[in-house]
Amino acid sequence: MSYSLERARHEIGRSLRELRTGAGLTGAQLAELVGWSQPKVSRLETGRQTPTSADVQAWAGACGRERAAEEIVDRLRVLESMYVEWRLQERSGMQGPQNEVLGRDSEARERRVYECTVIPGILQTEPYIRAVLDRYASFRGVSIGVDEAVRKRLQRQETLYSRRKRFRFLLTEGVLHTRYTDRDAMVEQLDRLTSVSALSNVSLGIIPFDQRVVFDPGHGFWIHDDRLVTVETLSAELRLTHPSEVEQYVRAFDLCARAARYGQEARSLILRAIDALNGE
């Protein structure tokens, strides 16, 4: 589980502990009042177990602080929204997550995207999309919906041509050299990057191999209108909406942007990757 999720759960546990100690109750006394085992109280306070809304309300009531439950429950809803398991999204096939993203794309006006392992889906060519989705479908044991997922991801790219929307992409140079398809398809994909970079509403930055690292987030992420950050992991998609979480990712993006090359310098790095492929 991500550091953000762990921290959020521990913060909720700390708030519950503060309610208990403020009421002058021991863990055993609180457990008796609400009819739980003492170990459950300990797990909730230490963040090893996520409380339900009913748990929070019972806890606050036992401490004589019913009104405090509302704020903690609000934070609990944020925590629950942060973690969406892929297996739930993909229960009807690989197209499930793509439907989710299509709706998100239609709403956002500005997106900032950082990727260090793969070309962002909204910039991918059809062969590249299929190669990526086939790998993940195989890994997750999902046997249906790949063709529809490819179509949906291609449909997403229509938003690139809307003058009402703005995109800022940051890629590490290693992304240009990571092979998901055969040589000809990779050349086509890299050529697609150079074409998209010329759009007036698109900024494409490449962080070169030889650039001193200013900051390394360690994973890719998308920032949507400074109100939502999405992070894809092997098992889940994180959706971060708390202002302090979003602010951290905005700052991380800005730090990475300082190390990137843009315009003709970025295109030169793409052409260097194409030359490497053509030289094989």
Protein backbone atom coordinates (compact mmCIF):
# COMPACT_ATOMS: atom_id res chain seq x y z
CA MET A 1 0.00 0.00 0.00
CA SER A 2 1.24 3.51 -0.75
CA TYR A 3 2.80 5.83 1.81
CA SER A 4 -0.11 8.27 1.33
CA LEU A 5 -2.67 5.62 2.24
CA GLU A 6 -0.69 4.41 5.23
CA ARG A 7 -0.28 7.94 6.51
CA ALA A 8 -3.97 8.80 6.06
CA ARG A 9 -5.02 5.70 7.99
CA HIS A 10 -2.54 6.42 10.78
CA GLU A 11 -3.80 10.02 11.05
CA ILE A 12 -7.36 8.75 11.51
CA GLY A 13 -6.09 6.34 14.16
CA ARG A 14 -4.30 9.16 15.96
CA SER A 15 -7.48 11.24 16.00
CA LEU A 16 -9.40 8.33 17.54
CA ARG A 17 -6.70 7.88 20.18
CA GLU A 18 -6.86 11.59 21.04
CA LEU A 19 -10.62 11.32 21.53
CA ARG A 20 -10.14 8.37 23.89
CA THR A 21 -7.36 9.91 25.96
CA GLY A 22 -9.20 13.23 26.07
CA ALA A 23 -12.14 11.41 27.62
CA GLY A 24 -9.87 9.80 30.20
CA LEU A 25 -10.57 6.27 28.97
CA THR A 26 -8.21 3.34 28.64
CA GLY A 27 -8.39 1.15 25.57
CA ALA A 28 -10.01 -1.62 27.60
CA GLN A 29 -12.63 0.77 29.01
CA LEU A 30 -13.55 2.09 25.56
CA ALA A 31 -13.78 -1.45 24.20
CA GLU A 32 -16.20 -2.38 26.97
CA LEU A 33 -18.36 0.68 26.35
CA VAL A 34 -18.80 -0.07 22.62
CA GLY A 35 -18.84 -3.87 22.93
CA TRP A 36 -15.61 -4.56 21.03
CA SER A 37 -12.49 -6.52 21.83
CA GLN A 38 -9.55 -4.52 23.16
CA PRO A 39 -7.33 -5.66 20.24
CA LYS A 40 -9.77 -4.01 17.79
CA VAL A 41 -9.34 -0.70 19.61
CA SER A 42 -5.57 -1.11 19.34
CA ARG A 43 -5.69 -1.94 15.62
CA LEU A 44 -7.84 1.13 14.88
CA GLU A 45 -5.61 3.46 16.88
CA THR A 46 -2.40 2.21 15.26
CA GLY A 47 -3.76 2.34 11.71
CA ARG A 48 -3.57 -1.42 11.22
CA GLN A 49 -7.31 -1.53 10.58
CA THR A 50 -9.50 1.00 8.76
CA PRO A 51 -12.61 1.96 10.76
CA THR A 52 -16.09 2.08 9.29
CA SER A 53 -18.28 5.16 9.65
CA ALA A 54 -20.27 3.25 12.29
CA ASP A 55 -17.04 2.49 14.17
CA VAL A 56 -16.13 6.18 14.25
CA GLN A 57 -19.58 7.24 15.44
CA ALA A 58 -19.62 4.60 18.19
CA TRP A 59 -16.12 5.62 19.31
CA ALA A 60 -16.97 9.33 19.43
CA GLY A 61 -20.21 8.61 21.27
CA ALA A 62 -18.41 6.57 23.94
CA CYS A 63 -16.04 9.50 24.42
CA GLY A 64 -18.88 12.01 24.69
CA ARG A 65 -17.72 13.74 21.50
CA GLU A 66 -20.45 12.89 18.99
CA ARG A 67 -19.82 16.04 16.95
CA ALA A 68 -16.18 15.06 16.43
CA ALA A 69 -17.31 12.00 14.44
CA GLU A 70 -18.40 14.10 11.45
CA GLU A 71 -14.90 15.45 10.71
CA ILE A 72 -13.27 12.03 11.09
CA VAL A 73 -15.91 10.39 8.87
CA ASP A 74 -15.22 13.02 6.19
CA ARG A 75 -11.53 12.09 6.29
CA LEU A 76 -12.48 8.42 6.16
CA ARG A 77 -14.44 9.02 2.94
CA VAL A 78 -11.34 10.63 1.41
CA LEU A 79 -9.30 7.59 2.44
CA GLU A 80 -11.83 5.22 0.89
CA SER A 81 -11.82 7.21 -2.36
CA MET A 82 -8.05 6.99 -2.61
CA TYR A 83 -7.97 3.28 -3.26
CA VAL A 84 -9.89 1.67 -6.11
CA GLU A 85 -8.93 -1.91 -6.83
CA TRP A 86 -8.25 -2.79 -10.48
CA ARG A 87 -10.12 -6.08 -10.08
CA LEU A 88 -13.31 -4.13 -9.31
CA GLN A 89 -12.86 -1.85 -12.31
CA GLU A 90 -12.00 -4.80 -14.55
CA ARG A 91 -14.79 -7.12 -13.44
CA SER A 92 -16.42 -6.66 -16.85
CA GLY A 93 -13.13 -6.66 -18.80
CA MET A 94 -10.16 -4.44 -19.60
CA GLN A 95 -12.45 -1.70 -20.92
CA GLY A 96 -13.67 -0.93 -17.38
CA PRO A 97 -10.83 1.41 -16.37
CA GLN A 98 -10.89 3.07 -19.81
CA ASN A 99 -14.55 4.00 -19.36
CA GLU A 100 -13.66 5.53 -16.02
CA VAL A 101 -10.84 7.62 -17.53
CA LEU A 102 -12.98 8.80 -20.46
CA GLY A 103 -15.37 10.48 -18.05
CA ARG A 104 -12.50 12.06 -16.16
CA ASP A 105 -10.96 13.37 -19.40
CA SER A 106 -14.18 15.10 -20.44
CA GLU A 107 -14.30 17.06 -17.17
CA ALA A 108 -10.69 18.22 -16.71
CA ARG A 109 -9.50 21.43 -18.35
CA GLU A 110 -5.81 21.12 -17.48
CA ARG A 111 -3.70 18.03 -16.92
CA ARG A 112 -0.10 17.63 -15.86
CA VAL A 113 1.37 14.21 -16.48
CA TYR A 114 4.66 12.72 -15.30
CA GLU A 115 5.78 9.31 -16.57
CA CYS A 116 9.04 7.46 -16.02
CA THR A 117 8.22 3.99 -17.39
CA VAL A 118 5.67 4.25 -20.21
CA ILE A 119 4.34 6.75 -22.73
CA PRO A 120 1.07 8.25 -21.38
CA GLY A 121 -2.00 6.45 -22.69
CA ILE A 122 -3.45 9.56 -24.27
CA LEU A 123 -0.33 9.81 -26.50
CA GLN A 124 -0.06 6.14 -27.44
CA THR A 125 -0.45 4.72 -30.96
CA GLU A 126 -2.71 1.71 -31.50
CA PRO A 127 0.10 -0.92 -31.63
CA TYR A 128 1.67 0.54 -28.48
CA ILE A 129 -1.70 0.59 -26.68
CA ARG A 130 -2.37 -3.02 -27.58
CA ALA A 131 1.08 -4.13 -26.45
CA VAL A 132 0.68 -2.41 -23.07
CA LEU A 133 -2.88 -3.61 -22.44
CA ASP A 134 -2.11 -7.18 -23.55
CA ARG A 135 0.67 -7.35 -20.95
CA TYR A 136 -1.51 -6.07 -18.14
CA ALA A 137 -4.45 -8.28 -19.16
CA SER A 138 -2.18 -11.31 -19.03
CA PHE A 139 -0.69 -10.28 -15.68
CA ARG A 140 -4.11 -9.70 -14.10
CA GLY A 141 -5.75 -12.71 -15.68
CA VAL A 142 -8.37 -10.66 -17.57
CA SER A 143 -9.26 -12.37 -20.81
CA ILE A 144 -11.95 -10.06 -22.22
CA GLY A 145 -12.35 -6.46 -23.28
CA VAL A 146 -8.89 -5.72 -24.70
CA ASP A 147 -10.18 -4.68 -28.14
CA GLU A 148 -12.79 -2.39 -26.57
CA ALA A 149 -10.17 -0.96 -24.20
CA VAL A 150 -7.90 -0.15 -27.17
CA ARG A 151 -10.79 1.63 -28.90
CA LYS A 152 -11.64 3.61 -25.75
CA ARG A 153 -8.04 4.69 -25.23
CA LEU A 154 -7.83 5.90 -28.84
CA GLN A 155 -11.11 7.76 -28.33
CA ARG A 156 -9.55 9.59 -25.38
CA GLN A 157 -7.05 11.21 -27.73
CA GLU A 158 -9.76 13.41 -29.24
CA THR A 159 -9.43 15.66 -26.19
CA LEU A 160 -5.90 16.59 -27.29
CA TYR A 161 -7.40 18.67 -30.08
CA SER A 162 -9.78 20.68 -27.91
CA ARG A 163 -8.62 24.28 -27.54
CA ARG A 164 -10.39 24.40 -24.17
CA LYS A 165 -7.97 21.88 -22.70
CA ARG A 166 -4.30 22.16 -21.77
CA PHE A 167 -1.77 19.37 -21.35
CA ARG A 168 1.72 19.36 -19.86
CA PHE A 169 3.63 16.11 -20.27
CA LEU A 170 6.93 15.25 -18.61
CA LEU A 171 8.74 12.06 -19.65
CA THR A 172 12.11 10.73 -18.66
CA GLU A 173 14.34 9.90 -21.64
CA GLY A 174 14.27 6.26 -20.58
CA VAL A 175 10.60 6.08 -21.59
CA LEU A 176 11.64 6.73 -25.20
CA HIS A 177 13.95 3.72 -25.14
CA THR A 178 11.71 1.23 -23.31
CA ARG A 179 10.50 -1.33 -25.85
CA TYR A 180 6.86 -2.37 -25.66
CA THR A 181 6.52 -3.20 -29.38
CA ASP A 182 8.68 -4.13 -32.34
CA ARG A 183 11.09 -1.66 -33.92
CA ASP A 184 8.77 -0.27 -36.60
CA ALA A 185 5.89 0.25 -34.15
CA MET A 186 8.22 1.99 -31.69
CA VAL A 187 9.43 4.34 -34.43
CA GLU A 188 5.79 5.11 -35.25
CA GLN A 189 5.10 5.79 -31.57
CA LEU A 190 8.05 8.14 -31.18
CA ASP A 191 7.09 9.97 -34.36
CA ARG A 192 3.64 10.42 -32.84
CA LEU A 193 5.25 12.22 -29.90
CA THR A 194 6.94 14.74 -32.18
CA SER A 195 3.62 15.46 -33.94
CA VAL A 196 1.69 15.97 -30.71
CA SER A 197 4.40 18.22 -29.27
CA ALA A 198 3.62 20.74 -32.02
CA LEU A 199 0.04 21.28 -30.82
CA SER A 200 -0.51 24.74 -29.33
CA ASN A 201 -2.24 23.39 -26.21
CA VAL A 202 0.39 20.72 -25.51
CA SER A 203 3.73 21.09 -23.73
CA LEU A 204 6.07 18.09 -23.93
CA GLY A 205 9.19 17.99 -21.78
CA ILE A 206 11.84 15.26 -21.82
CA ILE A 207 14.24 14.81 -18.89
CA PRO A 208 17.57 13.67 -20.42
CA PHE A 209 19.65 10.75 -19.17
CA ASP A 210 22.56 13.06 -18.38
CA GLN A 211 20.51 15.66 -16.51
CA ARG A 212 21.28 15.93 -12.82
CA VAL A 213 18.26 14.68 -10.87
CA VAL A 214 16.42 17.57 -9.21
CA PHE A 215 13.69 15.35 -7.77
CA ASP A 216 12.55 11.77 -8.47
CA PRO A 217 8.90 10.97 -7.62
CA GLY A 218 9.60 7.29 -8.22
CA HIS A 219 6.36 6.68 -10.15
CA GLY A 220 4.11 8.26 -12.74
CA PHE A 221 1.10 10.42 -11.89
CA TRP A 222 -1.60 12.62 -13.40
CA ILE A 223 -2.76 15.94 -11.92
CA HIS A 224 -6.29 16.95 -12.95
CA ASP A 225 -7.14 20.66 -12.51
CA ASP A 226 -5.29 20.87 -9.17
CA ARG A 227 -8.19 18.95 -7.58
CA LEU A 228 -7.35 15.30 -8.21
CA VAL A 229 -4.18 13.22 -8.55
CA THR A 230 -4.33 9.69 -9.96
CA VAL A 231 -1.54 7.16 -9.51
CA GLU A 232 -1.63 3.70 -11.07
CA THR A 233 -0.06 0.80 -9.19
CA LEU A 234 -0.01 -2.90 -10.01
CA SER A 235 -3.06 -3.63 -7.87
CA ALA A 236 -4.97 -0.37 -7.67
CA GLU A 237 -5.54 3.17 -8.81
CA LEU A 238 -5.02 5.81 -6.15
CA ARG A 239 -7.26 8.87 -6.30
CA LEU A 240 -5.92 11.63 -4.12
CA THR A 241 -8.17 14.62 -3.48
CA HIS A 242 -7.00 16.06 -0.18
CA PRO A 243 -5.49 19.54 -0.86
CA SER A 244 -2.24 18.72 0.96
CA GLU A 245 -1.77 15.56 -1.16
CA VAL A 246 -2.51 17.39 -4.42
CA GLU A 247 -0.14 20.20 -3.42
CA GLN A 248 2.73 17.75 -2.93
CA TYR A 249 2.28 16.33 -6.43
CA VAL A 250 2.04 19.80 -7.97
CA ARG A 251 5.33 20.67 -6.28
CA ALA A 252 6.91 17.41 -7.47
CA PHE A 253 5.81 18.12 -11.04
CA ASP A 254 7.24 21.65 -10.93
CA LEU A 255 10.58 20.35 -9.62
CA CYS A 256 10.78 17.74 -12.40
CA ALA A 257 9.81 20.32 -15.01
CA ARG A 258 12.96 22.31 -14.22
CA ALA A 259 15.11 19.43 -15.43
CA ALA A 260 13.24 18.87 -18.71
CA ARG A 261 14.06 19.92 -22.26
CA TYR A 262 11.35 21.42 -24.42
CA GLY A 263 10.70 22.38 -28.04
CA GLN A 264 13.48 21.52 -30.44
CA GLU A 265 15.67 20.14 -27.66
CA ALA A 266 12.94 17.66 -26.69
CA ARG A 267 12.40 16.68 -30.32
CA SER A 268 16.15 16.10 -30.68
CA LEU A 269 16.01 13.60 -27.83
CA ILE A 270 13.10 11.83 -29.52
CA LEU A 271 14.98 11.77 -32.82
CA ARG A 272 18.00 10.31 -31.02
CA ALA A 273 15.82 7.46 -29.79
CA ILE A 274 14.46 6.93 -33.33
CA ASP A 275 18.02 6.87 -34.74
CA ALA A 276 18.96 4.24 -32.16
CA LEU A 277 16.07 2.07 -33.33
CA ASN A 278 16.86 2.58 -37.02
CA GLY A 279 20.48 1.70 -36.36
CA GLU A 280 19.64 -1.77 -35.09
